[in-house]
C-alpha atoms as a PDB file:
ATOM      1  CA  MET A   1      -0.116  -0.218  -0.289  1.00  0.00           C
ATOM      2  CA  MET A   2       3.326   2.247   0.642  1.00  0.00           C
ATOM      3  CA  SER A   3       4.253   2.210  -2.973  1.00  0.00           C
ATOM      4  CA  TYR A   4       0.812   3.288  -3.887  1.00  0.00           C
ATOM      5  CA  LEU A   5       0.924   6.169  -1.885  1.00  0.00           C
ATOM      6  CA  VAL A   6       4.854   6.753  -3.172  1.00  0.00           C
ATOM      7  CA  VAL A   7       3.782   6.659  -6.640  1.00  0.00           C
ATOM      8  CA  PHE A   8       0.948   9.064  -6.230  1.00  0.00           C
ATOM      9  CA  ILE A   9       2.644  11.566  -4.204  1.00  0.00           C
ATOM     10  CA  GLY A  10       5.284  11.470  -7.114  1.00  0.00           C
ATOM     11  CA  ALA A  11       2.829  11.631  -9.737  1.00  0.00           C
ATOM     12  CA  GLY A  12       1.237  14.801  -8.133  1.00  0.00           C
ATOM     13  CA  ILE A  13       4.308  16.359  -7.961  1.00  0.00           C
ATOM     14  CA  GLY A  14       5.753  15.818 -11.433  1.00  0.00           C
ATOM     15  CA  GLY A  15       2.632  16.786 -12.941  1.00  0.00           C
ATOM     16  CA  SER A  16       2.675  20.326 -11.136  1.00  0.00           C
ATOM     17  CA  ILE A  17       6.276  20.777 -12.348  1.00  0.00           C
ATOM     18  CA  ARG A  18       5.208  19.649 -15.983  1.00  0.00           C
ATOM     19  CA  HIS A  19       2.290  22.093 -15.716  1.00  0.00           C
ATOM     20  CA  GLY A  20       4.348  24.652 -14.451  1.00  0.00           C
ATOM     21  CA  MET A  21       6.937  24.544 -17.350  1.00  0.00           C
ATOM     22  CA  ASN A  22       4.274  24.189 -19.907  1.00  0.00           C
ATOM     23  CA  ILE A  23       2.779  27.584 -18.751  1.00  0.00           C
ATOM     24  CA  TRP A  24       6.574  29.209 -18.585  1.00  0.00           C
ATOM     25  CA  VAL A  25       7.444  28.010 -22.034  1.00  0.00           C
ATOM     26  CA  ALA A  26       3.829  29.009 -23.544  1.00  0.00           C
ATOM     27  CA  ARG A  27       4.887  32.742 -22.036  1.00  0.00           C
ATOM     28  CA  LEU A  28       8.208  32.617 -23.060  1.00  0.00           C
ATOM     29  CA  ARG A  29       7.932  31.331 -26.582  1.00  0.00           C
ATOM     30  CA  GLY A  30       3.924  31.784 -27.529  1.00  0.00           C
ATOM     31  CA  SER A  31       1.768  29.039 -27.346  1.00  0.00           C
ATOM     32  CA  GLN A  32       1.573  28.056 -30.863  1.00  0.00           C
ATOM     33  CA  LEU A  33       2.090  24.447 -31.741  1.00  0.00           C
ATOM     34  CA  PRO A  34       5.563  23.240 -31.349  1.00  0.00           C
ATOM     35  CA  VAL A  35       6.146  21.300 -34.410  1.00  0.00           C
ATOM     36  CA  PRO A  36      10.161  20.696 -34.032  1.00  0.00           C
ATOM     37  CA  HIS A  37       9.327  19.542 -30.843  1.00  0.00           C
ATOM     38  CA  LEU A  38       6.699  17.200 -31.577  1.00  0.00           C
ATOM     39  CA  ARG A  39       9.200  15.415 -34.575  1.00  0.00           C
ATOM     40  CA  HIS A  40      12.186  14.982 -31.885  1.00  0.00           C
ATOM     41  CA  GLN A  41       9.819  13.391 -29.612  1.00  0.00           C
ATOM     42  CA  HIS A  42       8.401  11.086 -32.444  1.00  0.00           C
ATOM     43  CA  ARG A  43      11.867  10.212 -33.462  1.00  0.00           C
ATOM     44  CA  GLY A  44      12.628   9.335 -29.915  1.00  0.00           C
ATOM     45  CA  PHE A  45       9.647   6.931 -29.838  1.00  0.00           C
ATOM     46  CA  ALA A  46      10.372   5.355 -33.017  1.00  0.00           C
ATOM     47  CA  GLY A  47      13.656   4.662 -31.572  1.00  0.00           C
ATOM     48  CA  ASP A  48      12.357   3.110 -28.351  1.00  0.00           C
ATOM     49  CA  GLY A  49      10.209   1.074 -30.545  1.00  0.00           C
ATOM     50  CA  LEU A  50      12.846  -0.216 -32.653  1.00  0.00           C
ATOM     51  CA  VAL A  51      14.915  -0.931 -29.510  1.00  0.00           C
ATOM     52  CA  ALA A  52      12.160  -2.980 -27.743  1.00  0.00           C
ATOM     53  CA  GLY A  53      11.287  -4.728 -30.975  1.00  0.00           C
ATOM     54  CA  TRP A  54      15.351  -5.665 -30.941  1.00  0.00           C
ATOM     55  CA  PHE A  55      15.146  -7.075 -27.696  1.00  0.00           C
ATOM     56  CA  ALA A  56      12.009  -8.949 -28.185  1.00  0.00           C
ATOM     57  CA  GLU A  57      12.982 -10.893 -31.106  1.00  0.00           C
ATOM     58  CA  ARG A  58      16.304 -11.482 -29.681  1.00  0.00           C
ATOM     59  CA  GLY A  59      15.064 -12.357 -26.479  1.00  0.00           C
ATOM     60  CA  GLY A  60      17.839 -11.374 -24.632  1.00  0.00           C
ATOM     61  CA  ALA A  61      16.244  -8.557 -22.558  1.00  0.00           C
ATOM     62  CA  PRO A  62      13.783 -10.041 -19.463  1.00  0.00           C
ATOM     63  CA  VAL A  63      10.214  -8.824 -19.347  1.00  0.00           C
ATOM     64  CA  THR A  64       9.474  -7.078 -16.235  1.00  0.00           C
ATOM     65  CA  CYS A  65       6.106  -5.324 -15.113  1.00  0.00           C
ATOM     66  CA  ALA A  66       5.817  -2.733 -12.189  1.00  0.00           C
ATOM     67  CA  VAL A  67       2.222  -3.528 -11.096  1.00  0.00           C
END
């Protein structure tokens, strides 16, 4: 039960920090859609997927679940 409380508190702190950063960046750079940032994120997602797929096919990485 304690682990749920720790995750709950951590998510609340992280969410508050992300929200504050979003507001700060929007004031600093404007609130238009950040297309270069989205491209960068999608490349990272694709890279993560390729690495995960490689390990899944290779069978060398243990599969763990946090729940």
